Amino acid sequence: MIGIERIPNMKAIIESKKYESYKEIHPEGKPFSYAQAIKREWREVLDEVIIPLDDEMR
């Protein structure tokens, strides 16, 4: 559901991060802010792309 607080499998998503690759592009990046950005961006993809597609398929 759009805006649901808990994102399923978020721990696994964060653990799969490629921080070193990110750090090469964004040298000012910090590990904690990177994890927060992953959550924020994943929420946006879920709410704006995936959930509407799922609703459309019903």
PDB file of N, CA and C in Angstrom:
ATOM      1  N   MET A   1       0.839  -1.176   0.000  1.00  0.00           N
ATOM      2  CA  MET A   1       0.000   0.000   0.000  1.00  0.00           C
ATOM      3  C   MET A   1       0.887   1.244   0.000  1.00  0.00           C
ATOM      4  N   ILE A   2       0.446   2.256  -0.697  1.00  0.00           N
ATOM      5  CA  ILE A   2       1.212   3.499  -0.768  1.00  0.00           C
ATOM      6  C   ILE A   2       1.353   4.098   0.627  1.00  0.00           C
ATOM      7  N   GLY A   3       2.582   4.470   0.969  1.00  0.00           N
ATOM      8  CA  GLY A   3       2.868   5.134   2.235  1.00  0.00           C
ATOM      9  C   GLY A   3       2.953   4.227   3.440  1.00  0.00           C
ATOM     10  N   ILE A   4       2.839   2.914   3.252  1.00  0.00           N
ATOM     11  CA  ILE A   4       2.951   1.994   4.388  1.00  0.00           C
ATOM     12  C   ILE A   4       4.294   2.230   5.082  1.00  0.00           C
ATOM     13  N   GLU A   5       4.282   2.200   6.391  1.00  0.00           N
ATOM     14  CA  GLU A   5       5.485   2.537   7.158  1.00  0.00           C
ATOM     15  C   GLU A   5       6.632   1.554   6.924  1.00  0.00           C
ATOM     16  N   ARG A   6       6.361   0.267   7.063  1.00  0.00           N
ATOM     17  CA  ARG A   6       7.406  -0.743   6.953  1.00  0.00           C
ATOM     18  C   ARG A   6       7.545  -1.203   5.506  1.00  0.00           C
ATOM     19  N   ILE A   7       8.759  -1.178   5.004  1.00  0.00           N
ATOM     20  CA  ILE A   7       9.033  -1.650   3.651  1.00  0.00           C
ATOM     21  C   ILE A   7       9.533  -3.094   3.766  1.00  0.00           C
ATOM     22  N   PRO A   8       8.850  -4.035   3.117  1.00  0.00           N
ATOM     23  CA  PRO A   8       9.280  -5.433   3.200  1.00  0.00           C
ATOM     24  C   PRO A   8      10.718  -5.617   2.702  1.00  0.00           C
ATOM     25  N   ASN A   9      11.481  -6.436   3.416  1.00  0.00           N
ATOM     26  CA  ASN A   9      12.855  -6.800   3.047  1.00  0.00           C
ATOM     27  C   ASN A   9      13.838  -5.625   3.022  1.00  0.00           C
ATOM     28  N   MET A  10      13.543  -4.555   3.734  1.00  0.00           N
ATOM     29  CA  MET A  10      14.422  -3.382   3.699  1.00  0.00           C
ATOM     30  C   MET A  10      15.816  -3.717   4.230  1.00  0.00           C
ATOM     31  N   LYS A  11      15.910  -4.547   5.239  1.00  0.00           N
ATOM     32  CA  LYS A  11      17.227  -4.902   5.780  1.00  0.00           C
ATOM     33  C   LYS A  11      18.088  -5.553   4.701  1.00  0.00           C
ATOM     34  N   ALA A  12      17.515  -6.477   3.952  1.00  0.00           N
ATOM     35  CA  ALA A  12      18.260  -7.148   2.878  1.00  0.00           C
ATOM     36  C   ALA A  12      18.637  -6.165   1.776  1.00  0.00           C
ATOM     37  N   ILE A  13      17.754  -5.233   1.497  1.00  0.00           N
ATOM     38  CA  ILE A  13      18.033  -4.221   0.465  1.00  0.00           C
ATOM     39  C   ILE A  13      19.225  -3.363   0.898  1.00  0.00           C
ATOM     40  N   ILE A  14      19.217  -2.912   2.138  1.00  0.00           N
ATOM     41  CA  ILE A  14      20.313  -2.075   2.635  1.00  0.00           C
ATOM     42  C   ILE A  14      21.622  -2.871   2.688  1.00  0.00           C
ATOM     43  N   GLU A  15      21.552  -4.131   3.100  1.00  0.00           N
ATOM     44  CA  GLU A  15      22.761  -4.951   3.175  1.00  0.00           C
ATOM     45  C   GLU A  15      23.356  -5.238   1.799  1.00  0.00           C
ATOM     46  N   SER A  16      22.551  -5.132   0.753  1.00  0.00           N
ATOM     47  CA  SER A  16      23.055  -5.381  -0.598  1.00  0.00           C
ATOM     48  C   SER A  16      23.683  -4.142  -1.230  1.00  0.00           C
ATOM     49  N   LYS A  17      23.784  -3.064  -0.464  1.00  0.00           N
ATOM     50  CA  LYS A  17      24.295  -1.800  -0.996  1.00  0.00           C
ATOM     51  C   LYS A  17      25.729  -1.935  -1.499  1.00  0.00           C
ATOM     52  N   LYS A  18      26.059  -1.051  -2.397  1.00  0.00           N
ATOM     53  CA  LYS A  18      27.414  -0.993  -2.955  1.00  0.00           C
ATOM     54  C   LYS A  18      27.996   0.378  -2.616  1.00  0.00           C
ATOM     55  N   TYR A  19      28.249   0.540  -1.319  1.00  0.00           N
ATOM     56  CA  TYR A  19      28.694   1.834  -0.823  1.00  0.00           C
ATOM     57  C   TYR A  19      29.996   2.295  -1.460  1.00  0.00           C
ATOM     58  N   GLU A  20      30.924   1.391  -1.680  1.00  0.00           N
ATOM     59  CA  GLU A  20      32.217   1.795  -2.251  1.00  0.00           C
ATOM     60  C   GLU A  20      32.041   2.395  -3.645  1.00  0.00           C
ATOM     61  N   SER A  21      31.171   1.823  -4.444  1.00  0.00           N
ATOM     62  CA  SER A  21      30.897   2.372  -5.778  1.00  0.00           C
ATOM     63  C   SER A  21      30.258   3.749  -5.665  1.00  0.00           C
ATOM     64  N   TYR A  22      29.320   3.875  -4.715  1.00  0.00           N
ATOM     65  CA  TYR A  22      28.661   5.156  -4.473  1.00  0.00           C
ATOM     66  C   TYR A  22      29.680   6.199  -4.029  1.00  0.00           C
ATOM     67  N   LYS A  23      30.596   5.788  -3.148  1.00  0.00           N
ATOM     68  CA  LYS A  23      31.606   6.703  -2.601  1.00  0.00           C
ATOM     69  C   LYS A  23      32.529   7.236  -3.699  1.00  0.00           C
ATOM     70  N   GLU A  24      32.786   6.432  -4.726  1.00  0.00           N
ATOM     71  CA  GLU A  24      33.622   6.905  -5.835  1.00  0.00           C
ATOM     72  C   GLU A  24      32.961   8.065  -6.576  1.00  0.00           C
ATOM     73  N   ILE A  25      31.650   8.006  -6.712  1.00  0.00           N
ATOM     74  CA  ILE A  25      30.900   9.048  -7.427  1.00  0.00           C
ATOM     75  C   ILE A  25      30.587  10.227  -6.506  1.00  0.00           C
ATOM     76  N   HIS A  26      30.314   9.921  -5.213  1.00  0.00           N
ATOM     77  CA  HIS A  26      29.941  10.940  -4.224  1.00  0.00           C
ATOM     78  C   HIS A  26      30.909  10.870  -3.041  1.00  0.00           C
ATOM     79  N   PRO A  27      32.106  11.437  -3.179  1.00  0.00           N
ATOM     80  CA  PRO A  27      33.116  11.315  -2.120  1.00  0.00           C
ATOM     81  C   PRO A  27      32.687  11.901  -0.776  1.00  0.00           C
ATOM     82  N   GLU A  28      31.722  12.806  -0.774  1.00  0.00           N
ATOM     83  CA  GLU A  28      31.261  13.410   0.479  1.00  0.00           C
ATOM     84  C   GLU A  28      30.244  12.530   1.205  1.00  0.00           C
ATOM     85  N   GLY A  29      29.802  11.449   0.578  1.00  0.00           N
ATOM     86  CA  GLY A  29      28.780  10.570   1.147  1.00  0.00           C
ATOM     87  C   GLY A  29      29.243   9.844   2.400  1.00  0.00           C
ATOM     88  N   LYS A  30      28.322   9.644   3.308  1.00  0.00           N
ATOM     89  CA  LYS A  30      28.575   8.924   4.563  1.00  0.00           C
ATOM     90  C   LYS A  30      27.723   7.655   4.566  1.00  0.00           C
ATOM     91  N   PRO A  31      28.185   6.580   5.223  1.00  0.00           N
ATOM     92  CA  PRO A  31      27.431   5.317   5.227  1.00  0.00           C
ATOM     93  C   PRO A  31      25.993   5.459   5.718  1.00  0.00           C
ATOM     94  N   PHE A  32      25.775   6.197   6.808  1.00  0.00           N
ATOM     95  CA  PHE A  32      24.425   6.337   7.340  1.00  0.00           C
ATOM     96  C   PHE A  32      23.524   7.096   6.374  1.00  0.00           C
ATOM     97  N   SER A  33      24.021   8.194   5.820  1.00  0.00           N
ATOM     98  CA  SER A  33      23.188   8.973   4.898  1.00  0.00           C
ATOM     99  C   SER A  33      22.935   8.189   3.615  1.00  0.00           C
ATOM    100  N   TYR A  34      23.874   7.333   3.237  1.00  0.00           N
ATOM    101  CA  TYR A  34      23.684   6.485   2.060  1.00  0.00           C
ATOM    102  C   TYR A  34      22.543   5.495   2.294  1.00  0.00           C
ATOM    103  N   ALA A  35      22.514   4.874   3.468  1.00  0.00           N
ATOM    104  CA  ALA A  35      21.430   3.940   3.800  1.00  0.00           C
ATOM    105  C   ALA A  35      20.086   4.660   3.825  1.00  0.00           C
ATOM    106  N   GLN A  36      20.061   5.869   4.359  1.00  0.00           N
ATOM    107  CA  GLN A  36      18.826   6.649   4.390  1.00  0.00           C
ATOM    108  C   GLN A  36      18.370   7.007   2.972  1.00  0.00           C
ATOM    109  N   ALA A  37      19.320   7.313   2.112  1.00  0.00           N
ATOM    110  CA  ALA A  37      18.982   7.625   0.717  1.00  0.00           C
ATOM    111  C   ALA A  37      18.418   6.396   0.017  1.00  0.00           C
ATOM    112  N   ILE A  38      18.960   5.211   0.322  1.00  0.00           N
ATOM    113  CA  ILE A  38      18.427   3.982  -0.264  1.00  0.00           C
ATOM    114  C   ILE A  38      16.959   3.827   0.134  1.00  0.00           C
ATOM    115  N   LYS A  39      16.659   4.003   1.411  1.00  0.00           N
ATOM    116  CA  LYS A  39      15.279   3.886   1.885  1.00  0.00           C
ATOM    117  C   LYS A  39      14.369   4.888   1.184  1.00  0.00           C
ATOM    118  N   ARG A  40      14.822   6.126   1.111  1.00  0.00           N
ATOM    119  CA  ARG A  40      14.025   7.189   0.506  1.00  0.00           C
ATOM    120  C   ARG A  40      13.741   6.900  -0.974  1.00  0.00           C
ATOM    121  N   GLU A  41      14.774   6.527  -1.705  1.00  0.00           N
ATOM    122  CA  GLU A  41      14.616   6.248  -3.137  1.00  0.00           C
ATOM    123  C   GLU A  41      13.772   4.998  -3.374  1.00  0.00           C
ATOM    124  N   TRP A  42      13.965   3.971  -2.554  1.00  0.00           N
ATOM    125  CA  TRP A  42      13.182   2.750  -2.702  1.00  0.00           C
ATOM    126  C   TRP A  42      11.717   3.029  -2.417  1.00  0.00           C
ATOM    127  N   ARG A  43      11.428   3.847  -1.400  1.00  0.00           N
ATOM    128  CA  ARG A  43      10.052   4.244  -1.085  1.00  0.00           C
ATOM    129  C   ARG A  43       9.418   4.938  -2.286  1.00  0.00           C
ATOM    130  N   GLU A  44      10.177   5.824  -2.920  1.00  0.00           N
ATOM    131  CA  GLU A  44       9.668   6.556  -4.079  1.00  0.00           C
ATOM    132  C   GLU A  44       9.349   5.597  -5.228  1.00  0.00           C
ATOM    133  N   VAL A  45      10.231   4.656  -5.493  1.00  0.00           N
ATOM    134  CA  VAL A  45       9.995   3.677  -6.563  1.00  0.00           C
ATOM    135  C   VAL A  45       8.761   2.838  -6.245  1.00  0.00           C
ATOM    136  N   LEU A  46       8.652   2.384  -5.003  1.00  0.00           N
ATOM    137  CA  LEU A  46       7.486   1.589  -4.622  1.00  0.00           C
ATOM    138  C   LEU A  46       6.192   2.372  -4.796  1.00  0.00           C
ATOM    139  N   ASP A  47       6.146   3.581  -4.228  1.00  0.00           N
ATOM    140  CA  ASP A  47       4.918   4.377  -4.234  1.00  0.00           C
ATOM    141  C   ASP A  47       4.535   4.915  -5.610  1.00  0.00           C
ATOM    142  N   GLU A  48       5.518   5.252  -6.429  1.00  0.00           N
ATOM    143  CA  GLU A  48       5.216   5.916  -7.692  1.00  0.00           C
ATOM    144  C   GLU A  48       5.253   5.005  -8.911  1.00  0.00           C
ATOM    145  N   VAL A  49       5.898   3.839  -8.796  1.00  0.00           N
ATOM    146  CA  VAL A  49       6.023   2.963  -9.963  1.00  0.00           C
ATOM    147  C   VAL A  49       5.403   1.591  -9.711  1.00  0.00           C
ATOM    148  N   ILE A  50       5.901   0.890  -8.726  1.00  0.00           N
ATOM    149  CA  ILE A  50       5.510  -0.505  -8.529  1.00  0.00           C
ATOM    150  C   ILE A  50       4.065  -0.652  -8.063  1.00  0.00           C
ATOM    151  N   ILE A  51       3.667   0.055  -7.019  1.00  0.00           N
ATOM    152  CA  ILE A  51       2.303  -0.076  -6.512  1.00  0.00           C
ATOM    153  C   ILE A  51       1.272   0.338  -7.557  1.00  0.00           C
ATOM    154  N   PRO A  52       1.447   1.471  -8.266  1.00  0.00           N
ATOM    155  CA  PRO A  52       0.471   1.796  -9.309  1.00  0.00           C
ATOM    156  C   PRO A  52       0.406   0.728 -10.407  1.00  0.00           C
ATOM    157  N   LEU A  53       1.518   0.123 -10.765  1.00  0.00           N
ATOM    158  CA  LEU A  53       1.490  -0.949 -11.759  1.00  0.00           C
ATOM    159  C   LEU A  53       0.718  -2.159 -11.244  1.00  0.00           C
ATOM    160  N   ASP A  54       0.944  -2.495  -9.991  1.00  0.00           N
ATOM    161  CA  ASP A  54       0.217  -3.614  -9.384  1.00  0.00           C
ATOM    162  C   ASP A  54      -1.287  -3.326  -9.357  1.00  0.00           C
ATOM    163  N   ASP A  55      -1.660  -2.104  -8.999  1.00  0.00           N
ATOM    164  CA  ASP A  55      -3.076  -1.735  -8.981  1.00  0.00           C
ATOM    165  C   ASP A  55      -3.682  -1.804 -10.382  1.00  0.00           C
ATOM    166  N   GLU A  56      -2.913  -1.420 -11.377  1.00  0.00           N
ATOM    167  CA  GLU A  56      -3.385  -1.439 -12.756  1.00  0.00           C
ATOM    168  C   GLU A  56      -3.643  -2.863 -13.236  1.00  0.00           C
ATOM    169  N   MET A  57      -2.850  -3.804 -12.737  1.00  0.00           N
ATOM    170  CA  MET A  57      -2.968  -5.194 -13.168  1.00  0.00           C
ATOM    171  C   MET A  57      -4.219  -5.873 -12.582  1.00  0.00           C
ATOM    172  N   ARG A  58      -4.798  -5.295 -11.571  1.00  0.00           N
ATOM    173  CA  ARG A  58      -5.966  -5.917 -10.914  1.00  0.00           C
ATOM    174  C   ARG A  58      -7.212  -5.731 -11.715  1.00  0.00           C
TER     175      ARG A  58
END
